[in-house]
Amino acid sequence: MTPLRRRSGIPARTAPLPPAGNLVGRAATGAHVVLYTCTIDAHIAGAKLSALRAFASALGWTVRHEAYDLAPLGTPRSRRAGWAAVERALTTRDATGFVAPSEQEIACHPAERAGLRGWITELSAFAAYPRIPVGRAGPVAVWAGSYALVPVSVRQVMGAARSRLALRQWSGDIDSAAEVLARLAFNAVVHAQPANGTSAQMHVRLNLTEHQSLRIDVQDPSPAFPDAQSALSGQRGRGLDEARRLARLEWFLAPDGRSKTVRATLPPGPVSS
């Protein structure tokens, strides 16, 4: 069951309303509101609700409920338990409006968004979408996995990364991220095989920075990286050169000196090749 928390409190200081483009309907002074967000991560949901709570308090609104859904954004509203709680609060007039990070978190497609606005208007309610960024201290883990140093692992890594980034709803270029990861993984398969011929693994980690840049780490069991600067700058071979065109590359040794990590960082927006 998606959590719904009832809240009561004293409104804090007032602040200007959000821009007109982020407000649907008319918000009365001292309004009672319900907060809502939809994401696939409970920690992110909590952080977003905290930011929305501060926003509502600054406007002098009283937060009556907080609700969220742990689901992909494409999940229909009819299948969201948290959103059902928002609808009940508005139709019973327990709240006169709701606050959410963005309209897209509730309705993905234009027709659905138009229907949502019409419903809000019919209820004489309002919706505020402040698009508040949720700050974090340090990188946020998206996914990690270990794979054998064999060619077939490259395709497996790409598929897993695509799925995880899509579920996390990362705003950057997922195709470019998958391509960069494939280049780094292939480089490990080709150049990091143990000299004694034993089987080995590479360890892959995806993290998001506080600015939503994607950090891709591929750790392999070989600490050696001959002519690393030339390789990472695209002067040696095509593999890392293609990755360099899409991401910022760097590398470092593990504290024990027994392995190395090649890191690529991609921005949250479109990538210019």
C-alpha atoms as a PDB file:
ATOM      1  CA  MET A   1       0.000   0.000   0.000  1.00  0.00           C
ATOM      2  CA  THR A   2       1.451   3.379  -0.947  1.00  0.00           C
ATOM      3  CA  PRO A   3       1.982   5.492   2.159  1.00  0.00           C
ATOM      4  CA  LEU A   4      -0.393   8.384   2.793  1.00  0.00           C
ATOM      5  CA  ARG A   5       0.477  10.579   5.710  1.00  0.00           C
ATOM      6  CA  ARG A   6      -1.927  13.019   7.248  1.00  0.00           C
ATOM      7  CA  ARG A   7      -0.329  16.243   8.386  1.00  0.00           C
ATOM      8  CA  SER A   8      -1.349  19.278  10.347  1.00  0.00           C
ATOM      9  CA  GLY A   9       0.673  22.350  11.080  1.00  0.00           C
ATOM     10  CA  ILE A  10       0.864  26.110  11.274  1.00  0.00           C
ATOM     11  CA  PRO A  11       1.609  27.861   7.997  1.00  0.00           C
ATOM     12  CA  ALA A  12       4.986  29.589   7.916  1.00  0.00           C
ATOM     13  CA  ARG A  13       6.029  32.797   6.179  1.00  0.00           C
ATOM     14  CA  THR A  14       4.456  33.638   2.824  1.00  0.00           C
ATOM     15  CA  ALA A  15       6.309  33.864  -0.483  1.00  0.00           C
ATOM     16  CA  PRO A  16       5.379  34.734  -4.089  1.00  0.00           C
ATOM     17  CA  LEU A  17       3.396  32.171  -6.041  1.00  0.00           C
ATOM     18  CA  PRO A  18       5.230  30.078  -8.625  1.00  0.00           C
ATOM     19  CA  PRO A  19       5.284  31.355 -12.233  1.00  0.00           C
ATOM     20  CA  ALA A  20       1.926  31.221 -14.013  1.00  0.00           C
ATOM     21  CA  GLY A  21       3.113  28.360 -16.223  1.00  0.00           C
ATOM     22  CA  ASN A  22       3.569  26.228 -13.109  1.00  0.00           C
ATOM     23  CA  LEU A  23       0.132  26.915 -11.653  1.00  0.00           C
ATOM     24  CA  VAL A  24      -3.178  25.450 -12.839  1.00  0.00           C
ATOM     25  CA  GLY A  25      -6.299  27.038 -11.361  1.00  0.00           C
ATOM     26  CA  ARG A  26      -6.374  29.679  -8.641  1.00  0.00           C
ATOM     27  CA  ALA A  27      -4.713  29.200  -5.277  1.00  0.00           C
ATOM     28  CA  ALA A  28      -6.423  30.937  -2.368  1.00  0.00           C
ATOM     29  CA  THR A  29      -4.529  32.406   0.537  1.00  0.00           C
ATOM     30  CA  GLY A  30      -4.168  29.872   3.331  1.00  0.00           C
ATOM     31  CA  ALA A  31      -5.084  26.940   1.064  1.00  0.00           C
ATOM     32  CA  HIS A  32      -5.076  23.351   2.275  1.00  0.00           C
ATOM     33  CA  VAL A  33      -3.021  21.137  -0.009  1.00  0.00           C
ATOM     34  CA  VAL A  34      -1.884  17.570  -0.552  1.00  0.00           C
ATOM     35  CA  LEU A  35       1.677  16.809  -1.701  1.00  0.00           C
ATOM     36  CA  TYR A  36       2.358  14.171  -4.345  1.00  0.00           C
ATOM     37  CA  THR A  37       5.274  12.658  -6.220  1.00  0.00           C
ATOM     38  CA  CYS A  38       5.896   9.575  -8.350  1.00  0.00           C
ATOM     39  CA  THR A  39       9.310   7.906  -8.604  1.00  0.00           C
ATOM     40  CA  ILE A  40      10.837   4.444  -8.427  1.00  0.00           C
ATOM     41  CA  ASP A  41      12.980   5.125  -5.365  1.00  0.00           C
ATOM     42  CA  ALA A  42      11.571   5.594  -1.837  1.00  0.00           C
ATOM     43  CA  HIS A  43      14.536   7.725  -0.775  1.00  0.00           C
ATOM     44  CA  ILE A  44      14.038  10.079  -3.702  1.00  0.00           C
ATOM     45  CA  ALA A  45      10.306  10.250  -2.942  1.00  0.00           C
ATOM     46  CA  GLY A  46      11.057  11.297   0.627  1.00  0.00           C
ATOM     47  CA  ALA A  47      13.484  13.978  -0.512  1.00  0.00           C
ATOM     48  CA  LYS A  48      10.989  15.358  -3.031  1.00  0.00           C
ATOM     49  CA  LEU A  49       8.187  15.473  -0.478  1.00  0.00           C
ATOM     50  CA  SER A  50      10.481  17.322   1.922  1.00  0.00           C
ATOM     51  CA  ALA A  51      11.220  19.949  -0.750  1.00  0.00           C
ATOM     52  CA  LEU A  52       7.515  20.261  -1.627  1.00  0.00           C
ATOM     53  CA  ARG A  53       6.656  20.635   2.059  1.00  0.00           C
ATOM     54  CA  ALA A  54       9.083  23.546   2.398  1.00  0.00           C
ATOM     55  CA  PHE A  55       7.651  25.152  -0.751  1.00  0.00           C
ATOM     56  CA  ALA A  56       4.058  24.882   0.477  1.00  0.00           C
ATOM     57  CA  SER A  57       5.024  26.218   3.899  1.00  0.00           C
ATOM     58  CA  ALA A  58       6.749  29.228   2.344  1.00  0.00           C
ATOM     59  CA  LEU A  59       3.513  30.077   0.529  1.00  0.00           C
ATOM     60  CA  GLY A  60       1.475  29.865   3.721  1.00  0.00           C
ATOM     61  CA  TRP A  61      -0.362  26.713   2.661  1.00  0.00           C
ATOM     62  CA  THR A  62      -1.352  24.015   5.151  1.00  0.00           C
ATOM     63  CA  VAL A  63      -0.284  20.507   4.132  1.00  0.00           C
ATOM     64  CA  ARG A  64      -3.111  18.072   4.903  1.00  0.00           C
ATOM     65  CA  HIS A  65      -1.679  14.927   3.322  1.00  0.00           C
ATOM     66  CA  GLU A  66       1.456  13.597   1.639  1.00  0.00           C
ATOM     67  CA  ALA A  67       1.269  10.752  -0.873  1.00  0.00           C
ATOM     68  CA  TYR A  68       3.577   9.072  -3.333  1.00  0.00           C
ATOM     69  CA  ASP A  69       3.736   6.176  -5.764  1.00  0.00           C
ATOM     70  CA  LEU A  70       6.774   3.986  -6.392  1.00  0.00           C
ATOM     71  CA  ALA A  71       6.202   3.355 -10.090  1.00  0.00           C
ATOM     72  CA  PRO A  72       7.484   4.303 -13.560  1.00  0.00           C
ATOM     73  CA  LEU A  73       6.041   7.583 -14.849  1.00  0.00           C
ATOM     74  CA  GLY A  74       4.146   5.737 -17.572  1.00  0.00           C
ATOM     75  CA  THR A  75       1.958   3.980 -14.990  1.00  0.00           C
ATOM     76  CA  PRO A  76      -1.681   5.103 -15.529  1.00  0.00           C
ATOM     77  CA  ARG A  77      -3.167   7.233 -12.754  1.00  0.00           C
ATOM     78  CA  SER A  78      -5.929   4.666 -12.305  1.00  0.00           C
ATOM     79  CA  ARG A  79      -3.300   2.180 -11.091  1.00  0.00           C
ATOM     80  CA  ARG A  80      -1.613   4.510  -8.605  1.00  0.00           C
ATOM     81  CA  ALA A  81      -2.708   4.123  -4.992  1.00  0.00           C
ATOM     82  CA  GLY A  82      -0.965   7.332  -3.948  1.00  0.00           C
ATOM     83  CA  TRP A  83      -2.668   9.384  -6.641  1.00  0.00           C
ATOM     84  CA  ALA A  84      -6.040   7.893  -5.642  1.00  0.00           C
ATOM     85  CA  ALA A  85      -5.476   9.435  -2.216  1.00  0.00           C
ATOM     86  CA  VAL A  86      -4.902  12.835  -3.854  1.00  0.00           C
ATOM     87  CA  GLU A  87      -8.146  12.486  -5.808  1.00  0.00           C
ATOM     88  CA  ARG A  88     -10.079  11.635  -2.628  1.00  0.00           C
ATOM     89  CA  ALA A  89      -8.663  14.632  -0.797  1.00  0.00           C
ATOM     90  CA  LEU A  90      -9.704  16.997  -3.593  1.00  0.00           C
ATOM     91  CA  THR A  91     -13.134  15.535  -4.325  1.00  0.00           C
ATOM     92  CA  THR A  92     -14.083  15.553  -0.625  1.00  0.00           C
ATOM     93  CA  ARG A  93     -12.694  19.114  -0.298  1.00  0.00           C
ATOM     94  CA  ASP A  94     -10.338  17.991   2.441  1.00  0.00           C
ATOM     95  CA  ALA A  95      -7.786  19.852   0.310  1.00  0.00           C
ATOM     96  CA  THR A  96      -8.302  22.563  -2.280  1.00  0.00           C
ATOM     97  CA  GLY A  97      -5.148  21.906  -4.284  1.00  0.00           C
ATOM     98  CA  PHE A  98      -2.094  19.733  -4.673  1.00  0.00           C
ATOM     99  CA  VAL A  99       1.628  20.319  -5.123  1.00  0.00           C
ATOM    100  CA  ALA A 100       3.812  18.046  -7.263  1.00  0.00           C
ATOM    101  CA  PRO A 101       7.310  18.430  -8.767  1.00  0.00           C
ATOM    102  CA  SER A 102       5.943  18.485 -12.329  1.00  0.00           C
ATOM    103  CA  GLU A 103       2.835  17.739 -14.343  1.00  0.00           C
ATOM    104  CA  GLN A 104       4.745  14.999 -16.163  1.00  0.00           C
ATOM    105  CA  GLU A 105       4.999  12.998 -12.950  1.00  0.00           C
ATOM    106  CA  ILE A 106       1.219  12.630 -13.037  1.00  0.00           C
ATOM    107  CA  ALA A 107       0.415  12.517 -16.765  1.00  0.00           C
ATOM    108  CA  CYS A 108       3.033  11.605 -19.359  1.00  0.00           C
ATOM    109  CA  HIS A 109       1.157  12.305 -22.596  1.00  0.00           C
ATOM    110  CA  PRO A 110      -0.310  15.639 -23.794  1.00  0.00           C
ATOM    111  CA  ALA A 111      -3.880  14.284 -23.957  1.00  0.00           C
ATOM    112  CA  GLU A 112      -3.593  12.982 -20.395  1.00  0.00           C
ATOM    113  CA  ARG A 113      -2.260  16.322 -19.193  1.00  0.00           C
ATOM    114  CA  ALA A 114      -5.165  18.125 -20.855  1.00  0.00           C
ATOM    115  CA  GLY A 115      -7.580  15.769 -19.105  1.00  0.00           C
ATOM    116  CA  LEU A 116      -5.864  16.383 -15.782  1.00  0.00           C
ATOM    117  CA  ARG A 117      -6.205  20.168 -16.181  1.00  0.00           C
ATOM    118  CA  GLY A 118      -9.872  19.808 -17.082  1.00  0.00           C
ATOM    119  CA  TRP A 119     -10.490  17.704 -13.980  1.00  0.00           C
ATOM    120  CA  ILE A 120      -8.772  20.300 -11.790  1.00  0.00           C
ATOM    121  CA  THR A 121     -10.889  23.072 -13.322  1.00  0.00           C
ATOM    122  CA  GLU A 122     -14.148  21.155 -12.813  1.00  0.00           C
ATOM    123  CA  LEU A 123     -13.320  20.752  -9.124  1.00  0.00           C
ATOM    124  CA  SER A 124     -12.452  24.449  -8.777  1.00  0.00           C
ATOM    125  CA  ALA A 125      -9.159  23.194  -7.371  1.00  0.00           C
ATOM    126  CA  PHE A 126      -5.573  24.107  -8.242  1.00  0.00           C
ATOM    127  CA  ALA A 127      -2.226  22.439  -8.888  1.00  0.00           C
ATOM    128  CA  ALA A 128       1.225  23.908  -8.312  1.00  0.00           C
ATOM    129  CA  TYR A 129       4.328  22.498 -10.002  1.00  0.00           C
ATOM    130  CA  PRO A 130       7.400  24.224  -8.563  1.00  0.00           C
ATOM    131  CA  ARG A 131       9.923  21.871 -10.231  1.00  0.00           C
ATOM    132  CA  ILE A 132      12.072  21.962  -7.134  1.00  0.00           C
ATOM    133  CA  PRO A 133      15.446  20.240  -7.613  1.00  0.00           C
ATOM    134  CA  VAL A 134      16.209  17.695  -4.929  1.00  0.00           C
ATOM    135  CA  GLY A 135      19.788  18.141  -3.760  1.00  0.00           C
ATOM    136  CA  ARG A 136      21.899  15.278  -2.477  1.00  0.00           C
ATOM    137  CA  ALA A 137      25.219  14.973  -0.769  1.00  0.00           C
ATOM    138  CA  GLY A 138      27.502  12.802  -2.874  1.00  0.00           C
ATOM    139  CA  PRO A 139      26.684  10.386  -5.703  1.00  0.00           C
ATOM    140  CA  VAL A 140      23.531   8.285  -5.680  1.00  0.00           C
ATOM    141  CA  ALA A 141      23.827   4.620  -6.619  1.00  0.00           C
ATOM    142  CA  VAL A 142      21.800   3.575  -9.669  1.00  0.00           C
ATOM    143  CA  TRP A 143      23.093   0.059 -10.298  1.00  0.00           C
ATOM    144  CA  ALA A 144      26.139  -2.176  -9.829  1.00  0.00           C
ATOM    145  CA  GLY A 145      27.032  -5.592 -11.209  1.00  0.00           C
ATOM    146  CA  SER A 146      29.926  -7.985 -11.796  1.00  0.00           C
ATOM    147  CA  TYR A 147      30.561  -9.703 -15.132  1.00  0.00           C
ATOM    148  CA  ALA A 148      33.053 -12.188 -16.530  1.00  0.00           C
ATOM    149  CA  LEU A 149      35.797 -10.735 -18.706  1.00  0.00           C
ATOM    150  CA  VAL A 150      34.357 -12.275 -21.883  1.00  0.00           C
ATOM    151  CA  PRO A 151      32.925 -10.562 -24.997  1.00  0.00           C
ATOM    152  CA  VAL A 152      29.325 -11.660 -24.360  1.00  0.00           C
ATOM    153  CA  SER A 153      29.342  -9.655 -21.123  1.00  0.00           C
ATOM    154  CA  VAL A 154      29.515  -6.385 -23.068  1.00  0.00           C
ATOM    155  CA  ARG A 155      26.010  -6.845 -24.473  1.00  0.00           C
ATOM    156  CA  GLN A 156      24.709  -7.973 -21.075  1.00  0.00           C
ATOM    157  CA  VAL A 157      26.133  -4.877 -19.407  1.00  0.00           C
ATOM    158  CA  MET A 158      24.575  -2.593 -22.015  1.00  0.00           C
ATOM    159  CA  GLY A 159      21.122  -4.136 -21.591  1.00  0.00           C
ATOM    160  CA  ALA A 160      21.217  -3.946 -17.809  1.00  0.00           C
ATOM    161  CA  ALA A 161      22.370  -0.325 -17.861  1.00  0.00           C
ATOM    162  CA  ARG A 162      19.649   0.746 -20.301  1.00  0.00           C
ATOM    163  CA  SER A 163      16.952  -0.809 -18.124  1.00  0.00           C
ATOM    164  CA  ARG A 164      18.237   0.745 -14.914  1.00  0.00           C
ATOM    165  CA  LEU A 165      18.615   4.229 -16.373  1.00  0.00           C
ATOM    166  CA  ALA A 166      15.148   4.073 -17.916  1.00  0.00           C
ATOM    167  CA  LEU A 167      13.631   2.988 -14.601  1.00  0.00           C
ATOM    168  CA  ARG A 168      15.489   5.767 -12.801  1.00  0.00           C
ATOM    169  CA  GLN A 169      14.153   8.178 -15.460  1.00  0.00           C
ATOM    170  CA  TRP A 170      17.553   9.728 -16.013  1.00  0.00           C
ATOM    171  CA  SER A 171      17.224  12.862 -18.122  1.00  0.00           C
ATOM    172  CA  GLY A 172      20.432  12.335 -20.105  1.00  0.00           C
ATOM    173  CA  ASP A 173      21.075  10.432 -23.344  1.00  0.00           C
ATOM    174  CA  ILE A 174      20.632   6.765 -22.365  1.00  0.00           C
ATOM    175  CA  ASP A 175      21.784   5.507 -25.781  1.00  0.00           C
ATOM    176  CA  SER A 176      25.047   7.431 -25.454  1.00  0.00           C
ATOM    177  CA  ALA A 177      25.519   6.194 -21.903  1.00  0.00           C
ATOM    178  CA  ALA A 178      25.061   2.583 -23.015  1.00  0.00           C
ATOM    179  CA  GLU A 179      27.536   3.099 -25.848  1.00  0.00           C
ATOM    180  CA  VAL A 180      30.152   4.583 -23.533  1.00  0.00           C
ATOM    181  CA  LEU A 181      29.713   1.739 -21.062  1.00  0.00           C
ATOM    182  CA  ALA A 182      30.095  -0.790 -23.876  1.00  0.00           C
ATOM    183  CA  ARG A 183      33.395   0.814 -24.941  1.00  0.00           C
ATOM    184  CA  LEU A 184      34.757   0.751 -21.411  1.00  0.00           C
ATOM    185  CA  ALA A 185      33.614  -2.831 -20.838  1.00  0.00           C
ATOM    186  CA  PHE A 186      35.093  -4.017 -24.140  1.00  0.00           C
ATOM    187  CA  ASN A 187      38.363  -2.296 -23.301  1.00  0.00           C
ATOM    188  CA  ALA A 188      38.486  -4.245 -20.025  1.00  0.00           C
ATOM    189  CA  VAL A 189      37.704  -7.543 -21.788  1.00  0.00           C
ATOM    190  CA  VAL A 190      40.511  -7.008 -24.320  1.00  0.00           C
ATOM    191  CA  HIS A 191      43.244  -5.496 -22.141  1.00  0.00           C
ATOM    192  CA  ALA A 192      42.689  -6.667 -18.561  1.00  0.00           C
ATOM    193  CA  GLN A 193      42.864 -10.447 -18.867  1.00  0.00           C
ATOM    194  CA  PRO A 194      45.038 -12.054 -16.144  1.00  0.00           C
ATOM    195  CA  ALA A 195      48.460 -13.133 -17.419  1.00  0.00           C
ATOM    196  CA  ASN A 196      48.057 -16.607 -15.931  1.00  0.00           C
ATOM    197  CA  GLY A 197      44.901 -17.265 -17.946  1.00  0.00           C
ATOM    198  CA  THR A 198      42.560 -17.611 -14.970  1.00  0.00           C
ATOM    199  CA  SER A 199      38.989 -16.345 -15.203  1.00  0.00           C
ATOM    200  CA  ALA A 200      38.336 -12.847 -13.891  1.00  0.00           C
ATOM    201  CA  GLN A 201      35.560 -10.309 -13.587  1.00  0.00           C
ATOM    202  CA  MET A 202      34.928  -6.635 -14.159  1.00  0.00           C
ATOM    203  CA  HIS A 203      32.784  -4.637 -11.774  1.00  0.00           C
ATOM    204  CA  VAL A 204      30.425  -2.005 -13.174  1.00  0.00           C
ATOM    205  CA  ARG A 205      28.847   0.815 -11.182  1.00  0.00           C
ATOM    206  CA  LEU A 206      26.464   3.590 -12.271  1.00  0.00           C
ATOM    207  CA  ASN A 207      25.966   6.617 -10.008  1.00  0.00           C
ATOM    208  CA  LEU A 208      24.236   9.976 -10.327  1.00  0.00           C
ATOM    209  CA  THR A 209      25.932  13.077  -8.978  1.00  0.00           C
ATOM    210  CA  GLU A 210      24.021  15.801  -7.137  1.00  0.00           C
ATOM    211  CA  HIS A 211      23.740  17.630 -10.488  1.00  0.00           C
ATOM    212  CA  GLN A 212      22.299  14.487 -12.152  1.00  0.00           C
ATOM    213  CA  SER A 213      25.403  13.761 -14.228  1.00  0.00           C
ATOM    214  CA  LEU A 214      25.899  10.037 -14.808  1.00  0.00           C
ATOM    215  CA  ARG A 215      29.117   8.477 -13.524  1.00  0.00           C
ATOM    216  CA  ILE A 216      30.083   5.135 -15.107  1.00  0.00           C
ATOM    217  CA  ASP A 217      32.835   3.118 -13.402  1.00  0.00           C
ATOM    218  CA  VAL A 218      34.328  -0.049 -14.874  1.00  0.00           C
ATOM    219  CA  GLN A 219      36.808  -1.719 -12.546  1.00  0.00           C
ATOM    220  CA  ASP A 220      39.064  -4.482 -13.892  1.00  0.00           C
ATOM    221  CA  PRO A 221      41.669  -6.737 -12.221  1.00  0.00           C
ATOM    222  CA  SER A 222      44.686  -5.266 -14.011  1.00  0.00           C
ATOM    223  CA  PRO A 223      46.395  -2.226 -12.455  1.00  0.00           C
ATOM    224  CA  ALA A 224      48.403  -1.662 -15.639  1.00  0.00           C
ATOM    225  CA  PHE A 225      47.280   0.997 -18.106  1.00  0.00           C
ATOM    226  CA  PRO A 226      50.102   1.531 -20.620  1.00  0.00           C
ATOM    227  CA  ASP A 227      50.155   4.989 -22.146  1.00  0.00           C
ATOM    228  CA  ALA A 228      46.923   5.858 -20.337  1.00  0.00           C
ATOM    229  CA  GLN A 229      46.935   9.545 -21.255  1.00  0.00           C
ATOM    230  CA  SER A 230      47.157   8.836 -24.980  1.00  0.00           C
ATOM    231  CA  ALA A 231      44.451   6.178 -24.748  1.00  0.00           C
ATOM    232  CA  LEU A 232      42.005   8.403 -22.836  1.00  0.00           C
ATOM    233  CA  SER A 233      42.640  11.363 -25.145  1.00  0.00           C
ATOM    234  CA  GLY A 234      41.809   9.271 -28.211  1.00  0.00           C
ATOM    235  CA  GLN A 235      45.327   8.970 -29.612  1.00  0.00           C
ATOM    236  CA  ARG A 236      45.460   5.180 -29.215  1.00  0.00           C
ATOM    237  CA  GLY A 237      42.767   2.937 -30.662  1.00  0.00           C
ATOM    238  CA  ARG A 238      39.173   3.727 -31.563  1.00  0.00           C
ATOM    239  CA  GLY A 239      37.329   2.262 -28.576  1.00  0.00           C
ATOM    240  CA  LEU A 240      38.123   4.830 -25.920  1.00  0.00           C
ATOM    241  CA  ASP A 241      38.266   7.574 -28.542  1.00  0.00           C
ATOM    242  CA  GLU A 242      34.569   6.980 -29.302  1.00  0.00           C
ATOM    243  CA  ALA A 243      33.793   7.041 -25.576  1.00  0.00           C
ATOM    244  CA  ARG A 244      35.791  10.247 -25.165  1.00  0.00           C
ATOM    245  CA  ARG A 245      33.611  11.981 -27.762  1.00  0.00           C
ATOM    246  CA  LEU A 246      30.544  11.325 -25.591  1.00  0.00           C
ATOM    247  CA  ALA A 247      31.899  11.583 -22.048  1.00  0.00           C
ATOM    248  CA  ARG A 248      34.703  12.877 -19.873  1.00  0.00           C
ATOM    249  CA  LEU A 249      37.159  10.047 -19.153  1.00  0.00           C
ATOM    250  CA  GLU A 250      39.600   9.455 -16.288  1.00  0.00           C
ATOM    251  CA  TRP A 251      41.151   6.523 -14.472  1.00  0.00           C
ATOM    252  CA  PHE A 252      42.584   5.659 -11.069  1.00  0.00           C
ATOM    253  CA  LEU A 253      44.088   2.763  -9.146  1.00  0.00           C
ATOM    254  CA  ALA A 254      42.391   1.007  -6.253  1.00  0.00           C
ATOM    255  CA  PRO A 255      43.848   1.853  -2.812  1.00  0.00           C
ATOM    256  CA  ASP A 256      45.559  -1.565  -2.674  1.00  0.00           C
ATOM    257  CA  GLY A 257      47.049  -1.062  -6.155  1.00  0.00           C
ATOM    258  CA  ARG A 258      45.673  -4.377  -7.424  1.00  0.00           C
ATOM    259  CA  SER A 259      43.044  -3.092  -9.829  1.00  0.00           C
ATOM    260  CA  LYS A 260      42.077   0.027 -11.748  1.00  0.00           C
ATOM    261  CA  THR A 261      38.873   1.848 -12.583  1.00  0.00           C
ATOM    262  CA  VAL A 262      38.128   3.707 -15.800  1.00  0.00           C
ATOM    263  CA  ARG A 263      35.457   6.341 -15.218  1.00  0.00           C
ATOM    264  CA  ALA A 264      33.230   8.162 -17.705  1.00  0.00           C
ATOM    265  CA  THR A 265      30.979  11.087 -16.764  1.00  0.00           C
ATOM    266  CA  LEU A 266      28.044  12.149 -18.931  1.00  0.00           C
ATOM    267  CA  PRO A 267      25.897  15.280 -18.459  1.00  0.00           C
ATOM    268  CA  PRO A 268      22.156  15.043 -17.723  1.00  0.00           C
ATOM    269  CA  GLY A 269      21.224  16.793 -20.986  1.00  0.00           C
ATOM    270  CA  PRO A 270      21.815  15.928 -24.663  1.00  0.00           C
ATOM    271  CA  VAL A 271      25.320  14.791 -25.624  1.00  0.00           C
ATOM    272  CA  SER A 272      27.155  16.572 -28.422  1.00  0.00           C
ATOM    273  CA  SER A 273      29.341  14.071 -30.291  1.00  0.00           C
END
